[in-house]
Amino acid sequence: MTDSGRILVGSASDAGDDGSFDSAVSDAGRVTVSASGAVRVTLAARPAVLGTFPGHKVEGVECLPGTDDALLGTDDENLGGYVRAAAYCGS
């Protein structure tokens, strides 16, 4: 598998250290590199929501090389933190 070039973003609502939290991960566009090395960024006019996470504050999104999986990291303040994988990195 090759890199999809997908630009993933996390967004969250945060009412303070005790929550409540809600967040989403969205597909915000693509990055492509031409054979000559030119980089092009194309942002989505309307980012597509790939997943929502009620009760959690997703603050980190990272695609795992060679897979379709993204690691999602939360920081739910006084409620702890979590890491989970989701198949968001494919084309």
PDB file of N, CA and C in Angstrom:
ATOM      1  N   MET A   1       0.842  -1.177   0.000  1.00  0.00           N
ATOM      2  CA  MET A   1       0.000   0.000   0.000  1.00  0.00           C
ATOM      3  C   MET A   1       0.888   1.241   0.000  1.00  0.00           C
ATOM      4  N   THR A   2       0.474   2.264  -0.699  1.00  0.00           N
ATOM      5  CA  THR A   2       1.190   3.532  -0.677  1.00  0.00           C
ATOM      6  C   THR A   2       0.400   4.535   0.141  1.00  0.00           C
ATOM      7  N   ASP A   3       1.061   5.618   0.516  1.00  0.00           N
ATOM      8  CA  ASP A   3       0.398   6.676   1.266  1.00  0.00           C
ATOM      9  C   ASP A   3      -0.753   7.255   0.467  1.00  0.00           C
ATOM     10  N   SER A   4      -1.916   7.436   1.109  1.00  0.00           N
ATOM     11  CA  SER A   4      -3.082   7.968   0.413  1.00  0.00           C
ATOM     12  C   SER A   4      -2.982   9.466   0.199  1.00  0.00           C
ATOM     13  N   GLY A   5      -2.188  10.160   1.001  1.00  0.00           N
ATOM     14  CA  GLY A   5      -2.109  11.611   0.916  1.00  0.00           C
ATOM     15  C   GLY A   5      -3.280  12.302   1.580  1.00  0.00           C
ATOM     16  N   ARG A   6      -4.112  11.553   2.238  1.00  0.00           N
ATOM     17  CA  ARG A   6      -5.297  12.100   2.892  1.00  0.00           C
ATOM     18  C   ARG A   6      -4.876  13.015   4.044  1.00  0.00           C
ATOM     19  N   ILE A   7      -5.526  14.161   4.157  1.00  0.00           N
ATOM     20  CA  ILE A   7      -5.311  15.073   5.279  1.00  0.00           C
ATOM     21  C   ILE A   7      -6.432  14.822   6.277  1.00  0.00           C
ATOM     22  N   LEU A   8      -6.069  14.282   7.439  1.00  0.00           N
ATOM     23  CA  LEU A   8      -7.039  14.012   8.485  1.00  0.00           C
ATOM     24  C   LEU A   8      -6.914  15.061   9.577  1.00  0.00           C
ATOM     25  N   VAL A   9      -8.042  15.508  10.110  1.00  0.00           N
ATOM     26  CA  VAL A   9      -8.035  16.482  11.202  1.00  0.00           C
ATOM     27  C   VAL A   9      -8.980  16.018  12.299  1.00  0.00           C
ATOM     28  N   GLY A  10      -8.609  16.343  13.519  1.00  0.00           N
ATOM     29  CA  GLY A  10      -9.485  16.101  14.657  1.00  0.00           C
ATOM     30  C   GLY A  10     -10.000  17.435  15.156  1.00  0.00           C
ATOM     31  N   SER A  11     -11.247  17.454  15.576  1.00  0.00           N
ATOM     32  CA  SER A  11     -11.821  18.661  16.165  1.00  0.00           C
ATOM     33  C   SER A  11     -12.606  18.244  17.397  1.00  0.00           C
ATOM     34  N   ALA A  12     -12.626  19.107  18.411  1.00  0.00           N
ATOM     35  CA  ALA A  12     -13.246  18.714  19.669  1.00  0.00           C
ATOM     36  C   ALA A  12     -13.924  19.893  20.357  1.00  0.00           C
ATOM     37  N   SER A  13     -14.950  19.565  21.149  1.00  0.00           N
ATOM     38  CA  SER A  13     -15.519  20.528  22.079  1.00  0.00           C
ATOM     39  C   SER A  13     -15.013  20.144  23.463  1.00  0.00           C
ATOM     40  N   ASP A  14     -14.713  21.143  24.264  1.00  0.00           N
ATOM     41  CA  ASP A  14     -14.043  20.921  25.543  1.00  0.00           C
ATOM     42  C   ASP A  14     -14.643  21.888  26.557  1.00  0.00           C
ATOM     43  N   ALA A  15     -15.416  21.334  27.518  1.00  0.00           N
ATOM     44  CA  ALA A  15     -16.070  22.182  28.518  1.00  0.00           C
ATOM     45  C   ALA A  15     -15.231  22.360  29.782  1.00  0.00           C
ATOM     46  N   GLY A  16     -13.997  21.871  29.776  1.00  0.00           N
ATOM     47  CA  GLY A  16     -13.128  22.009  30.946  1.00  0.00           C
ATOM     48  C   GLY A  16     -12.546  20.670  31.346  1.00  0.00           C
ATOM     49  N   ASP A  17     -11.754  20.654  32.406  1.00  0.00           N
ATOM     50  CA  ASP A  17     -11.017  19.450  32.792  1.00  0.00           C
ATOM     51  C   ASP A  17     -11.902  18.258  33.167  1.00  0.00           C
ATOM     52  N   ASP A  18     -13.147  18.497  33.504  1.00  0.00           N
ATOM     53  CA  ASP A  18     -14.046  17.394  33.861  1.00  0.00           C
ATOM     54  C   ASP A  18     -15.027  17.056  32.747  1.00  0.00           C
ATOM     55  N   GLY A  19     -14.856  17.624  31.554  1.00  0.00           N
ATOM     56  CA  GLY A  19     -15.729  17.334  30.425  1.00  0.00           C
ATOM     57  C   GLY A  19     -16.966  18.202  30.493  1.00  0.00           C
ATOM     58  N   SER A  20     -17.866  17.981  29.725  1.00  0.00           N
ATOM     59  CA  SER A  20     -17.991  16.903  28.763  1.00  0.00           C
ATOM     60  C   SER A  20     -17.202  17.212  27.488  1.00  0.00           C
ATOM     61  N   PHE A  21     -16.848  16.137  26.782  1.00  0.00           N
ATOM     62  CA  PHE A  21     -16.079  16.252  25.553  1.00  0.00           C
ATOM     63  C   PHE A  21     -16.829  15.560  24.428  1.00  0.00           C
ATOM     64  N   ASP A  22     -16.657  16.054  23.248  1.00  0.00           N
ATOM     65  CA  ASP A  22     -17.120  15.398  22.026  1.00  0.00           C
ATOM     66  C   ASP A  22     -16.135  15.757  20.932  1.00  0.00           C
ATOM     67  N   SER A  23     -15.895  14.827  20.011  1.00  0.00           N
ATOM     68  CA  SER A  23     -14.967  15.141  18.938  1.00  0.00           C
ATOM     69  C   SER A  23     -15.316  14.392  17.668  1.00  0.00           C
ATOM     70  N   ALA A  24     -14.635  14.777  16.605  1.00  0.00           N
ATOM     71  CA  ALA A  24     -14.824  14.147  15.299  1.00  0.00           C
ATOM     72  C   ALA A  24     -13.487  14.120  14.576  1.00  0.00           C
ATOM     73  N   VAL A  25     -13.355  13.155  13.677  1.00  0.00           N
ATOM     74  CA  VAL A  25     -12.213  13.090  12.768  1.00  0.00           C
ATOM     75  C   VAL A  25     -12.776  13.257  11.364  1.00  0.00           C
ATOM     76  N   SER A  26     -12.145  14.149  10.593  1.00  0.00           N
ATOM     77  CA  SER A  26     -12.654  14.469   9.253  1.00  0.00           C
ATOM     78  C   SER A  26     -11.561  14.354   8.204  1.00  0.00           C
ATOM     79  N   ASP A  27     -11.982  14.093   6.975  1.00  0.00           N
ATOM     80  CA  ASP A  27     -11.110  14.100   5.801  1.00  0.00           C
ATOM     81  C   ASP A  27     -11.162  15.519   5.248  1.00  0.00           C
ATOM     82  N   ALA A  28     -10.046  16.247   5.376  1.00  0.00           N
ATOM     83  CA  ALA A  28     -10.024  17.660   5.014  1.00  0.00           C
ATOM     84  C   ALA A  28      -9.392  17.947   3.662  1.00  0.00           C
ATOM     85  N   GLY A  29      -8.909  16.907   2.964  1.00  0.00           N
ATOM     86  CA  GLY A  29      -8.315  17.139   1.656  1.00  0.00           C
ATOM     87  C   GLY A  29      -7.225  16.134   1.344  1.00  0.00           C
ATOM     88  N   ARG A  30      -6.334  16.529   0.423  1.00  0.00           N
ATOM     89  CA  ARG A  30      -5.267  15.640  -0.044  1.00  0.00           C
ATOM     90  C   ARG A  30      -3.975  16.427  -0.272  1.00  0.00           C
ATOM     91  N   VAL A  31      -2.867  15.712  -0.099  1.00  0.00           N
ATOM     92  CA  VAL A  31      -1.543  16.223  -0.472  1.00  0.00           C
ATOM     93  C   VAL A  31      -1.016  15.279  -1.544  1.00  0.00           C
ATOM     94  N   THR A  32      -0.538  15.841  -2.640  1.00  0.00           N
ATOM     95  CA  THR A  32       0.075  15.026  -3.695  1.00  0.00           C
ATOM     96  C   THR A  32       1.446  15.598  -4.024  1.00  0.00           C
ATOM     97  N   VAL A  33       2.319  14.699  -4.471  1.00  0.00           N
ATOM     98  CA  VAL A  33       3.663  15.095  -4.893  1.00  0.00           C
ATOM     99  C   VAL A  33       3.865  14.581  -6.312  1.00  0.00           C
ATOM    100  N   SER A  34       4.214  15.486  -7.230  1.00  0.00           N
ATOM    101  CA  SER A  34       4.421  15.101  -8.628  1.00  0.00           C
ATOM    102  C   SER A  34       5.778  14.417  -8.785  1.00  0.00           C
ATOM    103  N   ALA A  35       6.000  13.839  -9.946  1.00  0.00           N
ATOM    104  CA  ALA A  35       7.282  13.182 -10.246  1.00  0.00           C
ATOM    105  C   ALA A  35       8.450  14.163 -10.129  1.00  0.00           C
ATOM    106  N   SER A  36       8.185  15.454 -10.371  1.00  0.00           N
ATOM    107  CA  SER A  36       9.255  16.457 -10.272  1.00  0.00           C
ATOM    108  C   SER A  36       9.468  16.934  -8.840  1.00  0.00           C
ATOM    109  N   GLY A  37       8.616  16.471  -7.914  1.00  0.00           N
ATOM    110  CA  GLY A  37       8.755  16.861  -6.515  1.00  0.00           C
ATOM    111  C   GLY A  37       7.879  18.018  -6.090  1.00  0.00           C
ATOM    112  N   ALA A  38       7.065  18.530  -6.991  1.00  0.00           N
ATOM    113  CA  ALA A  38       6.164  19.629  -6.639  1.00  0.00           C
ATOM    114  C   ALA A  38       5.056  19.117  -5.719  1.00  0.00           C
ATOM    115  N   VAL A  39       4.801  19.851  -4.647  1.00  0.00           N
ATOM    116  CA  VAL A  39       3.783  19.471  -3.665  1.00  0.00           C
ATOM    117  C   VAL A  39       2.519  20.285  -3.923  1.00  0.00           C
ATOM    118  N   ARG A  40       1.383  19.593  -3.920  1.00  0.00           N
ATOM    119  CA  ARG A  40       0.097  20.260  -4.106  1.00  0.00           C
ATOM    120  C   ARG A  40      -0.830  19.865  -2.974  1.00  0.00           C
ATOM    121  N   VAL A  41      -1.449  20.851  -2.336  1.00  0.00           N
ATOM    122  CA  VAL A  41      -2.412  20.625  -1.268  1.00  0.00           C
ATOM    123  C   VAL A  41      -3.784  21.026  -1.793  1.00  0.00           C
ATOM    124  N   THR A  42      -4.734  20.107  -1.724  1.00  0.00           N
ATOM    125  CA  THR A  42      -6.105  20.380  -2.132  1.00  0.00           C
ATOM    126  C   THR A  42      -6.998  20.215  -0.912  1.00  0.00           C
ATOM    127  N   LEU A  43      -7.600  21.316  -0.457  1.00  0.00           N
ATOM    128  CA  LEU A  43      -8.479  21.256   0.699  1.00  0.00           C
ATOM    129  C   LEU A  43      -9.918  21.022   0.258  1.00  0.00           C
ATOM    130  N   ALA A  44     -10.621  20.208   1.015  1.00  0.00           N
ATOM    131  CA  ALA A  44     -12.026  19.916   0.725  1.00  0.00           C
ATOM    132  C   ALA A  44     -12.877  21.154   1.016  1.00  0.00           C
ATOM    133  N   ALA A  45     -13.814  21.454   0.131  1.00  0.00           N
ATOM    134  CA  ALA A  45     -14.733  22.567   0.374  1.00  0.00           C
ATOM    135  C   ALA A  45     -15.577  22.297   1.615  1.00  0.00           C
ATOM    136  N   ARG A  46     -15.939  21.040   1.807  1.00  0.00           N
ATOM    137  CA  ARG A  46     -16.692  20.602   2.984  1.00  0.00           C
ATOM    138  C   ARG A  46     -16.046  19.321   3.501  1.00  0.00           C
ATOM    139  N   PRO A  47     -15.223  19.409   4.529  1.00  0.00           N
ATOM    140  CA  PRO A  47     -14.582  18.193   5.044  1.00  0.00           C
ATOM    141  C   PRO A  47     -15.619  17.123   5.397  1.00  0.00           C
ATOM    142  N   ALA A  48     -15.316  15.877   5.035  1.00  0.00           N
ATOM    143  CA  ALA A  48     -16.216  14.755   5.307  1.00  0.00           C
ATOM    144  C   ALA A  48     -15.906  14.170   6.683  1.00  0.00           C
ATOM    145  N   VAL A  49     -16.906  14.089   7.543  1.00  0.00           N
ATOM    146  CA  VAL A  49     -16.732  13.499   8.866  1.00  0.00           C
ATOM    147  C   VAL A  49     -16.603  11.986   8.704  1.00  0.00           C
ATOM    148  N   LEU A  50     -15.487  11.440   9.195  1.00  0.00           N
ATOM    149  CA  LEU A  50     -15.241  10.002   9.108  1.00  0.00           C
ATOM    150  C   LEU A  50     -15.717   9.271  10.355  1.00  0.00           C
ATOM    151  N   GLY A  51     -15.717   9.955  11.484  1.00  0.00           N
ATOM    152  CA  GLY A  51     -16.161   9.333  12.730  1.00  0.00           C
ATOM    153  C   GLY A  51     -16.375  10.370  13.804  1.00  0.00           C
ATOM    154  N   THR A  52     -17.293  10.084  14.724  1.00  0.00           N
ATOM    155  CA  THR A  52     -17.535  10.955  15.869  1.00  0.00           C
ATOM    156  C   THR A  52     -17.260  10.166  17.145  1.00  0.00           C
ATOM    157  N   PHE A  53     -16.875  10.895  18.188  1.00  0.00           N
ATOM    158  CA  PHE A  53     -16.446  10.263  19.427  1.00  0.00           C
ATOM    159  C   PHE A  53     -17.059  10.991  20.626  1.00  0.00           C
ATOM    160  N   PRO A  54     -18.333  10.701  20.912  1.00  0.00           N
ATOM    161  CA  PRO A  54     -18.983  11.326  22.059  1.00  0.00           C
ATOM    162  C   PRO A  54     -18.272  10.945  23.354  1.00  0.00           C
ATOM    163  N   GLY A  55     -18.045  11.931  24.211  1.00  0.00           N
ATOM    164  CA  GLY A  55     -17.424  11.684  25.499  1.00  0.00           C
ATOM    165  C   GLY A  55     -15.904  11.664  25.474  1.00  0.00           C
ATOM    166  N   HIS A  56     -15.299  11.876  24.297  1.00  0.00           N
ATOM    167  CA  HIS A  56     -13.839  11.861  24.182  1.00  0.00           C
ATOM    168  C   HIS A  56     -13.351  13.067  23.396  1.00  0.00           C
ATOM    169  N   LYS A  57     -12.118  13.473  23.703  1.00  0.00           N
ATOM    170  CA  LYS A  57     -11.505  14.622  23.036  1.00  0.00           C
ATOM    171  C   LYS A  57     -10.306  14.123  22.224  1.00  0.00           C
ATOM    172  N   VAL A  58     -10.534  13.791  20.944  1.00  0.00           N
ATOM    173  CA  VAL A  58      -9.456  13.326  20.070  1.00  0.00           C
ATOM    174  C   VAL A  58      -8.556  14.514  19.766  1.00  0.00           C
ATOM    175  N   GLU A  59      -7.282  14.393  20.149  1.00  0.00           N
ATOM    176  CA  GLU A  59      -6.323  15.467  19.925  1.00  0.00           C
ATOM    177  C   GLU A  59      -5.166  15.051  19.032  1.00  0.00           C
ATOM    178  N   GLY A  60      -5.046  13.761  18.756  1.00  0.00           N
ATOM    179  CA  GLY A  60      -3.962  13.294  17.908  1.00  0.00           C
ATOM    180  C   GLY A  60      -4.471  12.304  16.878  1.00  0.00           C
ATOM    181  N   VAL A  61      -4.063  12.490  15.626  1.00  0.00           N
ATOM    182  CA  VAL A  61      -4.426  11.590  14.532  1.00  0.00           C
ATOM    183  C   VAL A  61      -3.160  11.329  13.728  1.00  0.00           C
ATOM    184  N   GLU A  62      -2.782  10.063  13.593  1.00  0.00           N
ATOM    185  CA  GLU A  62      -1.559   9.715  12.866  1.00  0.00           C
ATOM    186  C   GLU A  62      -1.766   8.433  12.076  1.00  0.00           C
ATOM    187  N   CYS A  63      -1.526   8.490  10.772  1.00  0.00           N
ATOM    188  CA  CYS A  63      -1.633   7.292   9.937  1.00  0.00           C
ATOM    189  C   CYS A  63      -0.422   6.386  10.168  1.00  0.00           C
ATOM    190  N   LEU A  64      -0.685   5.092  10.294  1.00  0.00           N
ATOM    191  CA  LEU A  64       0.376   4.111  10.454  1.00  0.00           C
ATOM    192  C   LEU A  64       0.894   3.726   9.078  1.00  0.00           C
ATOM    193  N   PRO A  65       2.185   3.872   8.826  1.00  0.00           N
ATOM    194  CA  PRO A  65       2.746   3.553   7.507  1.00  0.00           C
ATOM    195  C   PRO A  65       2.419   2.123   7.077  1.00  0.00           C
ATOM    196  N   GLY A  66       2.063   1.984   5.805  1.00  0.00           N
ATOM    197  CA  GLY A  66       1.807   0.662   5.229  1.00  0.00           C
ATOM    198  C   GLY A  66       0.465   0.055   5.576  1.00  0.00           C
ATOM    199  N   THR A  67      -0.410   0.820   6.225  1.00  0.00           N
ATOM    200  CA  THR A  67      -1.735   0.308   6.583  1.00  0.00           C
ATOM    201  C   THR A  67      -2.798   1.358   6.260  1.00  0.00           C
ATOM    202  N   ASP A  68      -4.046   0.969   6.399  1.00  0.00           N
ATOM    203  CA  ASP A  68      -5.163   1.917   6.292  1.00  0.00           C
ATOM    204  C   ASP A  68      -5.504   2.526   7.655  1.00  0.00           C
ATOM    205  N   ASP A  69      -4.793   2.107   8.706  1.00  0.00           N
ATOM    206  CA  ASP A  69      -5.153   2.496  10.066  1.00  0.00           C
ATOM    207  C   ASP A  69      -4.560   3.827  10.498  1.00  0.00           C
ATOM    208  N   ALA A  70      -5.370   4.568  11.233  1.00  0.00           N
ATOM    209  CA  ALA A  70      -4.923   5.774  11.922  1.00  0.00           C
ATOM    210  C   ALA A  70      -4.960   5.483  13.413  1.00  0.00           C
ATOM    211  N   LEU A  71      -3.977   5.987  14.135  1.00  0.00           N
ATOM    212  CA  LEU A  71      -4.042   5.966  15.591  1.00  0.00           C
ATOM    213  C   LEU A  71      -4.698   7.262  16.033  1.00  0.00           C
ATOM    214  N   LEU A  72      -5.689   7.143  16.894  1.00  0.00           N
ATOM    215  CA  LEU A  72      -6.391   8.298  17.434  1.00  0.00           C
ATOM    216  C   LEU A  72      -6.062   8.374  18.914  1.00  0.00           C
ATOM    217  N   GLY A  73      -5.551   9.503  19.352  1.00  0.00           N
ATOM    218  CA  GLY A  73      -5.213   9.686  20.759  1.00  0.00           C
ATOM    219  C   GLY A  73      -6.118  10.720  21.387  1.00  0.00           C
ATOM    220  N   THR A  74      -6.627  10.393  22.581  1.00  0.00           N
ATOM    221  CA  THR A  74      -7.475  11.345  23.291  1.00  0.00           C
ATOM    222  C   THR A  74      -6.751  11.870  24.520  1.00  0.00           C
ATOM    223  N   ASP A  75      -7.146  13.048  24.931  1.00  0.00           N
ATOM    224  CA  ASP A  75      -6.741  13.606  26.213  1.00  0.00           C
ATOM    225  C   ASP A  75      -8.022  14.091  26.865  1.00  0.00           C
ATOM    226  N   ASP A  76      -8.606  13.212  27.657  1.00  0.00           N
ATOM    227  CA  ASP A  76      -9.881  13.520  28.303  1.00  0.00           C
ATOM    228  C   ASP A  76      -9.674  14.132  29.689  1.00  0.00           C
ATOM    229  N   GLU A  77      -8.547  14.820  29.847  1.00  0.00           N
ATOM    230  CA  GLU A  77      -8.184  15.568  31.058  1.00  0.00           C
ATOM    231  C   GLU A  77      -8.330  14.696  32.306  1.00  0.00           C
ATOM    232  N   ASN A  78      -9.167  15.064  33.250  1.00  0.00           N
ATOM    233  CA  ASN A  78      -9.301  14.312  34.496  1.00  0.00           C
ATOM    234  C   ASN A  78      -9.885  12.916  34.297  1.00  0.00           C
ATOM    235  N   LEU A  79     -10.411  12.646  33.126  1.00  0.00           N
ATOM    236  CA  LEU A  79     -11.016  11.339  32.847  1.00  0.00           C
ATOM    237  C   LEU A  79     -10.035  10.374  32.192  1.00  0.00           C
ATOM    238  N   GLY A  80      -8.783  10.789  31.969  1.00  0.00           N
ATOM    239  CA  GLY A  80      -7.773   9.903  31.394  1.00  0.00           C
ATOM    240  C   GLY A  80      -7.581  10.117  29.902  1.00  0.00           C
ATOM    241  N   GLY A  81      -6.896   9.173  29.284  1.00  0.00           N
ATOM    242  CA  GLY A  81      -6.640   9.236  27.852  1.00  0.00           C
ATOM    243  C   GLY A  81      -6.708   7.856  27.239  1.00  0.00           C
ATOM    244  N   TYR A  82      -6.885   7.809  25.953  1.00  0.00           N
ATOM    245  CA  TYR A  82      -7.044   6.539  25.247  1.00  0.00           C
ATOM    246  C   TYR A  82      -6.357   6.610  23.894  1.00  0.00           C
ATOM    247  N   VAL A  83      -5.999   5.448  23.368  1.00  0.00           N
ATOM    248  CA  VAL A  83      -5.506   5.325  22.001  1.00  0.00           C
ATOM    249  C   VAL A  83      -6.296   4.209  21.356  1.00  0.00           C
ATOM    250  N   ARG A  84      -6.768   4.450  20.147  1.00  0.00           N
ATOM    251  CA  ARG A  84      -7.460   3.414  19.394  1.00  0.00           C
ATOM    252  C   ARG A  84      -7.118   3.566  17.927  1.00  0.00           C
ATOM    253  N   ALA A  85      -7.324   2.499  17.180  1.00  0.00           N
ATOM    254  CA  ALA A  85      -7.068   2.529  15.736  1.00  0.00           C
ATOM    255  C   ALA A  85      -8.392   2.557  14.985  1.00  0.00           C
ATOM    256  N   ALA A  86      -8.387   3.223  13.845  1.00  0.00           N
ATOM    257  CA  ALA A  86      -9.551   3.274  12.959  1.00  0.00           C
ATOM    258  C   ALA A  86      -9.048   3.303  11.526  1.00  0.00           C
ATOM    259  N   ALA A  87      -9.753   2.643  10.637  1.00  0.00           N
ATOM    260  CA  ALA A  87      -9.335   2.525   9.223  1.00  0.00           C
ATOM    261  C   ALA A  87      -9.703   3.790   8.458  1.00  0.00           C
ATOM    262  N   TYR A  88      -8.985   4.891   8.708  1.00  0.00           N
ATOM    263  CA  TYR A  88      -9.268   6.178   8.076  1.00  0.00           C
ATOM    264  C   TYR A  88      -8.219   6.608   7.062  1.00  0.00           C
ATOM    265  N   CYS A  89      -7.137   5.870   6.900  1.00  0.00           N
ATOM    266  CA  CYS A  89      -6.024   6.371   6.103  1.00  0.00           C
ATOM    267  C   CYS A  89      -5.988   5.865   4.674  1.00  0.00           C
ATOM    268  N   GLY A  90      -6.872   4.986   4.296  1.00  0.00           N
ATOM    269  CA  GLY A  90      -6.903   4.491   2.923  1.00  0.00           C
ATOM    270  C   GLY A  90      -7.398   5.544   1.961  1.00  0.00           C
ATOM    271  N   SER A  91      -7.338   5.221   0.682  1.00  0.00           N
ATOM    272  CA  SER A  91      -7.735   6.205  -0.338  1.00  0.00           C
ATOM    273  C   SER A  91      -9.195   6.407  -0.465  1.00  0.00           C
TER     274      SER A  91
END
